[in-house]
Amino acid sequence: MALLTAEDILNKKFAATKFREGYDVEEVDDFLDEVVRTLTAVQEENDDLRSKLAAAERRVAELSRSDAAAAAAPAPVAAPVAPPSAGPKPGGAEPESATGMLQLAQKLHDDYVRSGQEEGDRLIAEAKAEGSRIVREAEETSHRTLSQLEQERSLLERKIDELRLFERDYRTRLKSFLQNLLGDLDARGSALPPRNNAQQASTPQI
């Protein structure tokens, strides 16, 4: 799997969920796992470079000890008939080679350590920034949702108050209407002649 780059982290977009506002938790977790794998790979690379540097330093130390032993040994007596050799002088190139190797190893070590630290710091900073952005957007979404719910609750409370007022007014009007109706019926009943008097008036006298 290819390691993440700074552009991958900065340009990463998460899909919005269908049933609630915010980001998909599984997608965010997968992205953070990729960040962890990248940081782990960088750390392993740094450890490998440190082991190679340690091996190079041990080799340099061995060469230095060999040079010191060669310098401490008595110089052999040259044969009178031996012609002068045009080869390299003993003890001349080896110390220079060991010093150059040590300097190169130290430079490589410093470069790799600095590069690894910078890469790790950058990835950590970008991951923190991405995490802060996700948290900030989640908080903003939560605030918007709470505000919307508060508005809807206020609207429902107003509607409930209106319904209660309508019910109270309706009951008052209905009661008044029934009272008026009963009063009208009573008035009509009192205007009719008594039933006994009406029967006597209709019966013929003998």
N, C-alpha and C. Protein backbone atom coordinates (compact mmCIF):
# COMPACT_ATOMS: atom_id res chain seq x y z
N MET A 1 0.86 -1.19 0.00
CA MET A 1 0.00 0.00 0.00
C MET A 1 0.89 1.24 0.00
N ALA A 2 0.59 2.19 -0.86
CA ALA A 2 1.36 3.42 -0.95
C ALA A 2 1.17 4.25 0.31
N LEU A 3 2.27 4.89 0.75
CA LEU A 3 2.19 5.73 1.95
C LEU A 3 1.50 7.04 1.64
N LEU A 4 0.92 7.62 2.67
CA LEU A 4 0.24 8.91 2.51
C LEU A 4 1.25 10.02 2.29
N THR A 5 0.84 11.00 1.53
CA THR A 5 1.63 12.21 1.37
C THR A 5 0.91 13.37 2.04
N ALA A 6 1.62 14.51 2.12
CA ALA A 6 1.00 15.69 2.72
C ALA A 6 -0.23 16.12 1.93
N GLU A 7 -0.16 15.99 0.60
CA GLU A 7 -1.32 16.36 -0.23
C GLU A 7 -2.50 15.43 0.02
N ASP A 8 -2.20 14.13 0.26
CA ASP A 8 -3.30 13.20 0.55
C ASP A 8 -4.06 13.60 1.80
N ILE A 9 -3.32 14.01 2.83
CA ILE A 9 -3.96 14.39 4.09
C ILE A 9 -4.72 15.68 3.93
N LEU A 10 -4.11 16.66 3.25
CA LEU A 10 -4.77 17.96 3.11
C LEU A 10 -6.01 17.87 2.23
N ASN A 11 -5.98 17.01 1.21
CA ASN A 11 -7.09 16.94 0.25
C ASN A 11 -8.09 15.84 0.58
N LYS A 12 -7.91 15.16 1.71
CA LYS A 12 -8.83 14.08 2.07
C LYS A 12 -10.22 14.64 2.36
N LYS A 13 -11.23 14.03 1.74
CA LYS A 13 -12.63 14.41 1.96
C LYS A 13 -13.38 13.18 2.46
N PHE A 14 -14.24 13.41 3.43
CA PHE A 14 -15.05 12.34 3.99
C PHE A 14 -16.48 12.46 3.49
N ALA A 15 -17.11 11.31 3.28
CA ALA A 15 -18.49 11.30 2.81
C ALA A 15 -19.43 11.60 3.98
N ALA A 16 -20.45 12.40 3.70
CA ALA A 16 -21.45 12.72 4.72
C ALA A 16 -22.38 11.53 4.92
N THR A 17 -22.82 11.34 6.15
CA THR A 17 -23.73 10.24 6.45
C THR A 17 -25.14 10.57 5.99
N LYS A 18 -25.98 9.54 5.82
CA LYS A 18 -27.32 9.73 5.27
C LYS A 18 -28.33 10.09 6.35
N PHE A 19 -28.21 9.47 7.53
CA PHE A 19 -29.26 9.59 8.53
C PHE A 19 -28.91 10.57 9.65
N ARG A 20 -27.74 11.11 9.67
CA ARG A 20 -27.39 12.13 10.65
C ARG A 20 -26.26 12.98 10.07
N GLU A 21 -26.18 14.20 10.55
CA GLU A 21 -25.17 15.10 10.02
C GLU A 21 -23.81 14.76 10.62
N GLY A 22 -22.75 15.02 9.86
CA GLY A 22 -21.40 14.72 10.30
C GLY A 22 -20.71 13.82 9.29
N TYR A 23 -19.58 13.20 9.69
CA TYR A 23 -18.81 12.35 8.80
C TYR A 23 -18.97 10.89 9.21
N ASP A 24 -18.71 10.02 8.25
CA ASP A 24 -18.78 8.59 8.49
C ASP A 24 -17.65 8.19 9.44
N VAL A 25 -18.00 7.60 10.59
CA VAL A 25 -17.01 7.26 11.60
C VAL A 25 -16.03 6.23 11.06
N GLU A 26 -16.51 5.24 10.33
CA GLU A 26 -15.62 4.21 9.79
C GLU A 26 -14.63 4.79 8.80
N GLU A 27 -15.08 5.71 7.98
CA GLU A 27 -14.17 6.33 7.00
C GLU A 27 -13.09 7.14 7.70
N VAL A 28 -13.46 7.88 8.74
CA VAL A 28 -12.48 8.66 9.50
C VAL A 28 -11.49 7.73 10.19
N ASP A 29 -11.98 6.62 10.77
CA ASP A 29 -11.09 5.67 11.42
C ASP A 29 -10.12 5.04 10.42
N ASP A 30 -10.61 4.70 9.23
CA ASP A 30 -9.73 4.13 8.20
C ASP A 30 -8.64 5.12 7.80
N PHE A 31 -9.01 6.40 7.67
CA PHE A 31 -8.01 7.40 7.30
C PHE A 31 -6.96 7.55 8.40
N LEU A 32 -7.39 7.56 9.66
CA LEU A 32 -6.44 7.65 10.76
C LEU A 32 -5.55 6.42 10.81
N ASP A 33 -6.08 5.24 10.46
CA ASP A 33 -5.25 4.05 10.39
C ASP A 33 -4.17 4.20 9.33
N GLU A 34 -4.50 4.81 8.19
CA GLU A 34 -3.50 5.05 7.15
C GLU A 34 -2.41 6.00 7.65
N VAL A 35 -2.82 7.02 8.41
CA VAL A 35 -1.82 7.94 8.98
C VAL A 35 -0.89 7.19 9.92
N VAL A 36 -1.46 6.31 10.76
CA VAL A 36 -0.64 5.54 11.70
C VAL A 36 0.32 4.62 10.94
N ARG A 37 -0.17 3.96 9.87
CA ARG A 37 0.72 3.10 9.08
C ARG A 37 1.86 3.90 8.45
N THR A 38 1.55 5.09 7.98
CA THR A 38 2.59 5.93 7.37
C THR A 38 3.64 6.31 8.40
N LEU A 39 3.19 6.74 9.58
CA LEU A 39 4.14 7.11 10.64
C LEU A 39 4.96 5.90 11.06
N THR A 40 4.33 4.72 11.12
CA THR A 40 5.06 3.51 11.49
C THR A 40 6.12 3.18 10.44
N ALA A 41 5.78 3.33 9.16
CA ALA A 41 6.75 3.06 8.10
C ALA A 41 7.93 4.02 8.17
N VAL A 42 7.64 5.29 8.46
CA VAL A 42 8.73 6.27 8.60
C VAL A 42 9.63 5.90 9.77
N GLN A 43 9.01 5.47 10.90
CA GLN A 43 9.81 5.09 12.06
C GLN A 43 10.67 3.87 11.76
N GLU A 44 10.10 2.88 11.04
CA GLU A 44 10.88 1.69 10.68
C GLU A 44 12.04 2.06 9.76
N GLU A 45 11.80 2.98 8.84
CA GLU A 45 12.88 3.41 7.95
C GLU A 45 13.99 4.09 8.74
N ASN A 46 13.60 4.93 9.71
CA ASN A 46 14.60 5.58 10.56
C ASN A 46 15.39 4.55 11.36
N ASP A 47 14.69 3.52 11.89
CA ASP A 47 15.39 2.48 12.66
C ASP A 47 16.37 1.73 11.77
N ASP A 48 15.96 1.45 10.53
CA ASP A 48 16.85 0.75 9.61
C ASP A 48 18.09 1.58 9.29
N LEU A 49 17.89 2.88 9.09
CA LEU A 49 19.03 3.76 8.82
C LEU A 49 19.95 3.84 10.02
N ARG A 50 19.37 3.86 11.22
CA ARG A 50 20.21 3.90 12.42
C ARG A 50 21.04 2.62 12.55
N SER A 51 20.44 1.47 12.23
CA SER A 51 21.19 0.21 12.30
C SER A 51 22.32 0.19 11.27
N LYS A 52 22.04 0.70 10.05
CA LYS A 52 23.10 0.77 9.04
C LYS A 52 24.21 1.72 9.47
N LEU A 53 23.82 2.83 10.08
CA LEU A 53 24.83 3.78 10.55
C LEU A 53 25.67 3.16 11.65
N ALA A 54 25.03 2.41 12.56
CA ALA A 54 25.78 1.77 13.63
C ALA A 54 26.78 0.76 13.06
N ALA A 55 26.35 0.00 12.03
CA ALA A 55 27.27 -0.94 11.39
C ALA A 55 28.44 -0.21 10.74
N ALA A 56 28.15 0.92 10.07
CA ALA A 56 29.23 1.70 9.45
C ALA A 56 30.18 2.25 10.49
N GLU A 57 29.63 2.71 11.64
CA GLU A 57 30.50 3.23 12.70
C GLU A 57 31.37 2.13 13.29
N ARG A 58 30.80 0.92 13.42
CA ARG A 58 31.62 -0.20 13.92
C ARG A 58 32.75 -0.52 12.95
N ARG A 59 32.44 -0.47 11.65
CA ARG A 59 33.48 -0.73 10.64
C ARG A 59 34.56 0.34 10.69
N VAL A 60 34.14 1.58 10.87
CA VAL A 60 35.12 2.67 10.98
C VAL A 60 35.99 2.47 12.20
N ALA A 61 35.38 2.04 13.32
CA ALA A 61 36.16 1.81 14.54
C ALA A 61 37.17 0.68 14.33
N GLU A 62 36.75 -0.38 13.64
CA GLU A 62 37.68 -1.48 13.35
C GLU A 62 38.85 -0.99 12.50
N LEU A 63 38.55 -0.19 11.47
CA LEU A 63 39.63 0.34 10.63
C LEU A 63 40.54 1.25 11.43
N SER A 64 39.96 2.03 12.34
CA SER A 64 40.79 2.92 13.15
C SER A 64 41.71 2.12 14.06
N ARG A 65 41.18 1.05 14.66
CA ARG A 65 42.04 0.21 15.50
C ARG A 65 43.14 -0.45 14.68
N SER A 66 42.80 -0.89 13.48
CA SER A 66 43.83 -1.50 12.62
C SER A 66 44.91 -0.49 12.27
N ASP A 67 44.51 0.76 11.98
CA ASP A 67 45.48 1.80 11.66
C ASP A 67 46.37 2.09 12.86
N ALA A 68 45.74 2.11 14.06
CA ALA A 68 46.53 2.39 15.27
C ALA A 68 47.53 1.27 15.53
N ALA A 69 47.11 0.01 15.33
CA ALA A 69 48.02 -1.12 15.53
C ALA A 69 49.15 -1.09 14.52
N ALA A 70 48.83 -0.75 13.29
CA ALA A 70 49.87 -0.69 12.26
C ALA A 70 50.86 0.42 12.55
N ALA A 71 50.38 1.54 13.08
CA ALA A 71 51.29 2.65 13.39
C ALA A 71 52.18 2.32 14.57
N ALA A 72 51.66 1.53 15.56
CA ALA A 72 52.45 1.19 16.74
C ALA A 72 53.48 0.11 16.46
N ALA A 73 53.33 -0.71 15.43
CA ALA A 73 54.28 -1.78 15.11
C ALA A 73 55.58 -1.18 14.58
N PRO A 74 56.78 -1.81 14.91
CA PRO A 74 58.06 -1.29 14.39
C PRO A 74 58.14 -1.43 12.88
N ALA A 75 58.71 -0.44 12.27
CA ALA A 75 58.82 -0.45 10.82
C ALA A 75 59.83 -1.50 10.38
N PRO A 76 59.55 -2.30 9.38
CA PRO A 76 60.50 -3.33 8.92
C PRO A 76 61.72 -2.69 8.26
N VAL A 77 62.88 -3.41 8.40
CA VAL A 77 64.12 -2.92 7.80
C VAL A 77 64.08 -3.20 6.30
N ALA A 78 64.29 -2.17 5.53
CA ALA A 78 64.22 -2.33 4.08
C ALA A 78 65.47 -3.04 3.57
N ALA A 79 65.32 -3.92 2.62
CA ALA A 79 66.45 -4.61 2.01
C ALA A 79 67.25 -3.63 1.17
N PRO A 80 68.58 -3.70 1.21
CA PRO A 80 69.39 -2.71 0.49
C PRO A 80 69.23 -2.79 -1.01
N VAL A 81 68.86 -3.99 -1.56
CA VAL A 81 68.78 -4.12 -2.99
C VAL A 81 67.38 -3.85 -3.52
N ALA A 82 66.41 -3.64 -2.58
CA ALA A 82 65.02 -3.47 -3.05
C ALA A 82 64.84 -2.09 -3.67
N PRO A 83 64.29 -2.03 -4.87
CA PRO A 83 64.06 -0.71 -5.49
C PRO A 83 62.88 0.00 -4.81
N PRO A 84 62.86 1.28 -4.86
CA PRO A 84 61.72 2.02 -4.24
C PRO A 84 60.40 1.67 -4.95
N SER A 85 59.39 1.39 -4.14
CA SER A 85 58.08 1.01 -4.69
C SER A 85 57.26 2.26 -5.00
N ALA A 86 56.52 2.15 -6.11
CA ALA A 86 55.67 3.28 -6.51
C ALA A 86 54.25 3.16 -5.96
N GLY A 87 53.99 2.07 -5.16
CA GLY A 87 52.64 1.86 -4.62
C GLY A 87 52.34 2.85 -3.51
N PRO A 88 51.15 2.79 -2.98
CA PRO A 88 50.74 3.71 -1.92
C PRO A 88 51.52 3.47 -0.65
N LYS A 89 51.78 4.52 0.08
CA LYS A 89 52.51 4.42 1.33
C LYS A 89 51.62 3.75 2.37
N PRO A 90 52.21 2.79 3.14
CA PRO A 90 51.40 2.12 4.17
C PRO A 90 50.97 3.11 5.23
N GLY A 91 49.72 2.98 5.66
CA GLY A 91 49.21 3.86 6.72
C GLY A 91 48.80 5.23 6.25
N GLY A 92 48.87 5.52 4.95
CA GLY A 92 48.53 6.85 4.46
C GLY A 92 47.10 6.95 3.98
N ALA A 93 46.67 5.98 3.12
CA ALA A 93 45.34 6.07 2.53
C ALA A 93 44.27 5.57 3.49
N GLU A 94 44.62 4.55 4.33
CA GLU A 94 43.61 3.97 5.21
C GLU A 94 43.05 4.97 6.21
N PRO A 95 43.90 5.73 6.92
CA PRO A 95 43.32 6.71 7.86
C PRO A 95 42.45 7.73 7.14
N GLU A 96 42.92 8.17 5.96
CA GLU A 96 42.11 9.15 5.23
C GLU A 96 40.79 8.53 4.80
N SER A 97 40.80 7.25 4.37
CA SER A 97 39.57 6.58 3.97
C SER A 97 38.65 6.39 5.16
N ALA A 98 39.19 6.02 6.31
CA ALA A 98 38.37 5.82 7.51
C ALA A 98 37.73 7.13 7.94
N THR A 99 38.50 8.21 7.90
CA THR A 99 37.95 9.51 8.29
C THR A 99 36.84 9.94 7.35
N GLY A 100 37.08 9.75 6.04
CA GLY A 100 36.04 10.11 5.07
C GLY A 100 34.79 9.28 5.25
N MET A 101 34.97 7.98 5.53
CA MET A 101 33.80 7.13 5.74
C MET A 101 33.03 7.55 6.98
N LEU A 102 33.76 7.90 8.03
CA LEU A 102 33.10 8.36 9.26
C LEU A 102 32.33 9.65 9.02
N GLN A 103 32.95 10.57 8.30
CA GLN A 103 32.26 11.83 8.00
C GLN A 103 31.03 11.59 7.13
N LEU A 104 31.17 10.70 6.13
CA LEU A 104 30.03 10.40 5.27
C LEU A 104 28.90 9.73 6.05
N ALA A 105 29.31 8.78 6.92
CA ALA A 105 28.29 8.10 7.73
C ALA A 105 27.58 9.08 8.66
N GLN A 106 28.34 9.98 9.26
CA GLN A 106 27.73 10.97 10.15
C GLN A 106 26.79 11.90 9.38
N LYS A 107 27.22 12.30 8.17
CA LYS A 107 26.38 13.17 7.35
C LYS A 107 25.08 12.47 6.96
N LEU A 108 25.23 11.19 6.53
CA LEU A 108 24.03 10.44 6.17
C LEU A 108 23.10 10.28 7.37
N HIS A 109 23.70 10.01 8.50
CA HIS A 109 22.89 9.87 9.72
C HIS A 109 22.14 11.15 10.03
N ASP A 110 22.84 12.27 9.99
CA ASP A 110 22.19 13.56 10.29
C ASP A 110 21.09 13.87 9.28
N ASP A 111 21.39 13.61 8.00
CA ASP A 111 20.39 13.90 6.96
C ASP A 111 19.14 13.05 7.13
N TYR A 112 19.35 11.75 7.35
CA TYR A 112 18.19 10.86 7.47
C TYR A 112 17.40 11.14 8.74
N VAL A 113 18.10 11.38 9.83
CA VAL A 113 17.39 11.69 11.08
C VAL A 113 16.60 12.98 10.94
N ARG A 114 17.24 14.00 10.36
CA ARG A 114 16.54 15.27 10.19
C ARG A 114 15.35 15.11 9.24
N SER A 115 15.56 14.38 8.13
CA SER A 115 14.47 14.17 7.19
C SER A 115 13.33 13.38 7.83
N GLY A 116 13.68 12.34 8.58
CA GLY A 116 12.65 11.55 9.24
C GLY A 116 11.89 12.35 10.28
N GLN A 117 12.60 13.16 11.05
CA GLN A 117 11.93 13.98 12.06
C GLN A 117 11.02 15.01 11.41
N GLU A 118 11.52 15.64 10.34
CA GLU A 118 10.69 16.64 9.65
C GLU A 118 9.44 15.99 9.05
N GLU A 119 9.63 14.81 8.43
CA GLU A 119 8.48 14.13 7.84
C GLU A 119 7.48 13.70 8.91
N GLY A 120 8.02 13.15 10.00
CA GLY A 120 7.13 12.74 11.08
C GLY A 120 6.40 13.92 11.70
N ASP A 121 7.14 15.02 11.95
CA ASP A 121 6.50 16.21 12.52
C ASP A 121 5.44 16.76 11.58
N ARG A 122 5.74 16.76 10.28
CA ARG A 122 4.77 17.28 9.33
C ARG A 122 3.51 16.41 9.28
N LEU A 123 3.70 15.11 9.26
CA LEU A 123 2.54 14.22 9.24
C LEU A 123 1.70 14.35 10.51
N ILE A 124 2.39 14.45 11.64
CA ILE A 124 1.65 14.59 12.90
C ILE A 124 0.90 15.91 12.93
N ALA A 125 1.57 17.00 12.49
CA ALA A 125 0.91 18.30 12.48
C ALA A 125 -0.29 18.30 11.54
N GLU A 126 -0.11 17.69 10.37
CA GLU A 126 -1.23 17.65 9.42
C GLU A 126 -2.37 16.78 9.93
N ALA A 127 -2.01 15.66 10.59
CA ALA A 127 -3.06 14.81 11.15
C ALA A 127 -3.81 15.54 12.26
N LYS A 128 -3.07 16.29 13.10
CA LYS A 128 -3.73 17.06 14.16
C LYS A 128 -4.62 18.14 13.56
N ALA A 129 -4.12 18.80 12.51
CA ALA A 129 -4.93 19.84 11.87
C ALA A 129 -6.20 19.25 11.27
N GLU A 130 -6.05 18.08 10.63
CA GLU A 130 -7.23 17.43 10.04
C GLU A 130 -8.21 17.01 11.13
N GLY A 131 -7.66 16.46 12.23
CA GLY A 131 -8.54 16.09 13.33
C GLY A 131 -9.25 17.28 13.93
N SER A 132 -8.52 18.40 14.09
CA SER A 132 -9.14 19.61 14.63
C SER A 132 -10.22 20.12 13.69
N ARG A 133 -9.97 20.03 12.38
CA ARG A 133 -10.97 20.49 11.42
C ARG A 133 -12.23 19.63 11.49
N ILE A 134 -12.03 18.33 11.60
CA ILE A 134 -13.19 17.43 11.69
C ILE A 134 -13.99 17.72 12.96
N VAL A 135 -13.28 17.89 14.09
CA VAL A 135 -13.98 18.19 15.35
C VAL A 135 -14.70 19.52 15.25
N ARG A 136 -14.03 20.52 14.66
CA ARG A 136 -14.65 21.84 14.54
C ARG A 136 -15.91 21.78 13.67
N GLU A 137 -15.83 21.08 12.55
CA GLU A 137 -17.00 20.96 11.68
C GLU A 137 -18.12 20.17 12.37
N ALA A 138 -17.73 19.15 13.14
CA ALA A 138 -18.75 18.39 13.86
C ALA A 138 -19.44 19.26 14.91
N GLU A 139 -18.65 20.10 15.60
CA GLU A 139 -19.25 20.99 16.59
C GLU A 139 -20.16 22.02 15.93
N GLU A 140 -19.72 22.56 14.80
CA GLU A 140 -20.57 23.51 14.09
C GLU A 140 -21.87 22.85 13.62
N THR A 141 -21.75 21.63 13.12
CA THR A 141 -22.95 20.91 12.70
C THR A 141 -23.88 20.65 13.88
N SER A 142 -23.27 20.30 15.02
CA SER A 142 -24.08 20.06 16.22
C SER A 142 -24.78 21.33 16.67
N HIS A 143 -24.05 22.46 16.63
CA HIS A 143 -24.67 23.73 17.02
C HIS A 143 -25.82 24.08 16.08
N ARG A 144 -25.61 23.89 14.78
CA ARG A 144 -26.69 24.19 13.83
C ARG A 144 -27.90 23.29 14.07
N THR A 145 -27.63 22.02 14.34
CA THR A 145 -28.74 21.10 14.58
C THR A 145 -29.50 21.48 15.84
N LEU A 146 -28.77 21.81 16.90
CA LEU A 146 -29.43 22.21 18.15
C LEU A 146 -30.23 23.49 17.96
N SER A 147 -29.66 24.43 17.21
CA SER A 147 -30.39 25.68 16.95
C SER A 147 -31.66 25.42 16.16
N GLN A 148 -31.56 24.54 15.16
CA GLN A 148 -32.74 24.21 14.36
C GLN A 148 -33.80 23.52 15.21
N LEU A 149 -33.37 22.59 16.07
CA LEU A 149 -34.32 21.92 16.95
C LEU A 149 -34.97 22.89 17.92
N GLU A 150 -34.19 23.85 18.41
CA GLU A 150 -34.74 24.85 19.32
C GLU A 150 -35.80 25.69 18.61
N GLN A 151 -35.52 26.07 17.37
CA GLN A 151 -36.51 26.84 16.61
C GLN A 151 -37.78 26.02 16.37
N GLU A 152 -37.61 24.75 16.02
CA GLU A 152 -38.78 23.90 15.80
C GLU A 152 -39.58 23.71 17.09
N ARG A 153 -38.88 23.59 18.21
CA ARG A 153 -39.59 23.45 19.47
C ARG A 153 -40.38 24.71 19.81
N SER A 154 -39.77 25.87 19.58
CA SER A 154 -40.48 27.13 19.83
C SER A 154 -41.71 27.23 18.94
N LEU A 155 -41.56 26.82 17.67
CA LEU A 155 -42.70 26.86 16.75
C LEU A 155 -43.82 25.93 17.23
N LEU A 156 -43.46 24.74 17.67
CA LEU A 156 -44.47 23.80 18.17
C LEU A 156 -45.15 24.34 19.42
N GLU A 157 -44.38 24.97 20.29
CA GLU A 157 -44.97 25.54 21.50
C GLU A 157 -45.96 26.65 21.15
N ARG A 158 -45.61 27.47 20.16
CA ARG A 158 -46.55 28.52 19.75
C ARG A 158 -47.82 27.90 19.16
N LYS A 159 -47.67 26.86 18.36
CA LYS A 159 -48.85 26.21 17.79
C LYS A 159 -49.72 25.59 18.88
N ILE A 160 -49.08 24.99 19.87
CA ILE A 160 -49.85 24.41 20.98
C ILE A 160 -50.61 25.49 21.73
N ASP A 161 -49.96 26.64 21.98
CA ASP A 161 -50.64 27.75 22.65
C ASP A 161 -51.82 28.24 21.81
N GLU A 162 -51.62 28.32 20.49
CA GLU A 162 -52.71 28.75 19.63
C GLU A 162 -53.88 27.76 19.66
N LEU A 163 -53.56 26.46 19.67
CA LEU A 163 -54.62 25.46 19.74
C LEU A 163 -55.36 25.52 21.07
N ARG A 164 -54.63 25.73 22.14
CA ARG A 164 -55.28 25.86 23.44
C ARG A 164 -56.18 27.09 23.49
N LEU A 165 -55.71 28.20 22.93
CA LEU A 165 -56.53 29.41 22.89
C LEU A 165 -57.77 29.18 22.03
N PHE A 166 -57.57 28.50 20.89
CA PHE A 166 -58.72 28.21 20.03
C PHE A 166 -59.73 27.30 20.75
N GLU A 167 -59.24 26.31 21.45
CA GLU A 167 -60.13 25.40 22.19
C GLU A 167 -60.89 26.16 23.27
N ARG A 168 -60.21 27.01 24.00
CA ARG A 168 -60.88 27.77 25.05
C ARG A 168 -61.94 28.71 24.47
N ASP A 169 -61.60 29.38 23.37
CA ASP A 169 -62.56 30.28 22.73
C ASP A 169 -63.74 29.49 22.17
N TYR A 170 -63.44 28.31 21.59
CA TYR A 170 -64.51 27.49 21.03
C TYR A 170 -65.46 27.01 22.13
N ARG A 171 -64.90 26.58 23.25
CA ARG A 171 -65.74 26.14 24.36
C ARG A 171 -66.63 27.28 24.87
N THR A 172 -66.04 28.49 24.95
CA THR A 172 -66.81 29.64 25.42
C THR A 172 -67.96 29.95 24.47
N ARG A 173 -67.66 29.95 23.19
CA ARG A 173 -68.71 30.23 22.21
C ARG A 173 -69.78 29.15 22.20
N LEU A 174 -69.36 27.89 22.31
CA LEU A 174 -70.33 26.80 22.32
C LEU A 174 -71.22 26.88 23.55
N LYS A 175 -70.64 27.18 24.68
CA LYS A 175 -71.43 27.32 25.91
C LYS A 175 -72.43 28.46 25.79
N SER A 176 -71.98 29.59 25.24
CA SER A 176 -72.88 30.73 25.06
C SER A 176 -74.00 30.39 24.10
N PHE A 177 -73.65 29.68 23.03
CA PHE A 177 -74.68 29.30 22.05
C PHE A 177 -75.72 28.38 22.68
N LEU A 178 -75.28 27.40 23.46
CA LEU A 178 -76.21 26.48 24.10
C LEU A 178 -77.08 27.19 25.12
N GLN A 179 -76.48 28.11 25.87
CA GLN A 179 -77.27 28.86 26.84
C GLN A 179 -78.33 29.70 26.14
N ASN A 180 -77.96 30.34 25.06
CA ASN A 180 -78.94 31.14 24.31
C ASN A 180 -80.05 30.25 23.74
N LEU A 181 -79.66 29.07 23.27
CA LEU A 181 -80.65 28.16 22.72
C LEU A 181 -81.63 27.69 23.79
N LEU A 182 -81.10 27.36 24.96
CA LEU A 182 -81.97 26.95 26.06
C LEU A 182 -82.88 28.08 26.50
N GLY A 183 -82.31 29.29 26.55
CA GLY A 183 -83.13 30.45 26.91
C GLY A 183 -84.25 30.67 25.91
N ASP A 184 -83.95 30.50 24.66
CA ASP A 184 -84.98 30.68 23.63
C ASP A 184 -86.06 29.62 23.75
N LEU A 185 -85.64 28.38 24.04
CA LEU A 185 -86.63 27.31 24.22
C LEU A 185 -87.51 27.57 25.43
N ASP A 186 -86.91 28.05 26.50
CA ASP A 186 -87.69 28.38 27.69
C ASP A 186 -88.69 29.49 27.39
N ALA A 187 -88.24 30.50 26.64
CA ALA A 187 -89.14 31.61 26.31
C ALA A 187 -90.30 31.12 25.46
N ARG A 188 -90.04 30.25 24.51
CA ARG A 188 -91.12 29.72 23.67
C ARG A 188 -92.07 28.85 24.48
N GLY A 189 -91.53 28.11 25.42
CA GLY A 189 -92.39 27.27 26.23
C GLY A 189 -93.30 28.06 27.15
N SER A 190 -92.83 29.16 27.67
CA SER A 190 -93.66 29.98 28.55
C SER A 190 -94.72 30.74 27.78
N ALA A 191 -94.53 30.96 26.50
CA ALA A 191 -95.52 31.69 25.70
C ALA A 191 -96.72 30.83 25.31
N LEU A 192 -96.63 29.51 25.39
CA LEU A 192 -97.74 28.62 25.04
C LEU A 192 -98.77 28.62 26.16
N PRO A 193 -100.12 28.46 25.86
CA PRO A 193 -101.14 28.40 26.91
C PRO A 193 -101.03 27.11 27.68
N PRO A 194 -101.51 27.12 28.93
CA PRO A 194 -101.45 25.89 29.71
C PRO A 194 -102.26 24.80 29.05
N ARG A 195 -101.84 23.57 29.22
CA ARG A 195 -102.47 22.44 28.53
C ARG A 195 -103.87 22.16 29.07
N ASN A 196 -104.15 22.28 30.36
CA ASN A 196 -105.47 22.03 30.96
C ASN A 196 -106.48 23.05 30.49
N ASN A 197 -106.10 24.30 30.45
CA ASN A 197 -107.00 25.36 30.00
C ASN A 197 -107.39 25.14 28.55
N ALA A 198 -106.48 24.70 27.78
CA ALA A 198 -106.77 24.47 26.37
C ALA A 198 -107.76 23.35 26.19
N GLN A 199 -107.67 22.29 27.03
CA GLN A 199 -108.61 21.18 26.92
C GLN A 199 -110.01 21.58 27.35
N GLN A 200 -110.13 22.40 28.44
CA GLN A 200 -111.44 22.85 28.90
C GLN A 200 -112.11 23.74 27.86
N ALA A 201 -111.36 24.57 27.22
CA ALA A 201 -111.93 25.47 26.22
C ALA A 201 -112.45 24.71 25.02
N SER A 202 -111.86 23.58 24.73
CA SER A 202 -112.28 22.81 23.56
C SER A 202 -113.43 21.86 23.86
N THR A 203 -113.75 21.60 25.17
CA THR A 203 -114.84 20.67 25.52
C THR A 203 -116.16 21.41 25.54
N PRO A 204 -117.26 20.97 24.83
CA PRO A 204 -118.55 21.68 24.79
C PRO A 204 -119.29 21.50 26.11
N GLN A 205 -119.95 22.50 26.54
CA GLN A 205 -120.74 22.46 27.77
C GLN A 205 -122.14 21.95 27.47
N ILE A 206 -122.76 21.13 28.39
CA ILE A 206 -124.11 20.57 28.23
C ILE A 206 -125.07 21.34 29.12
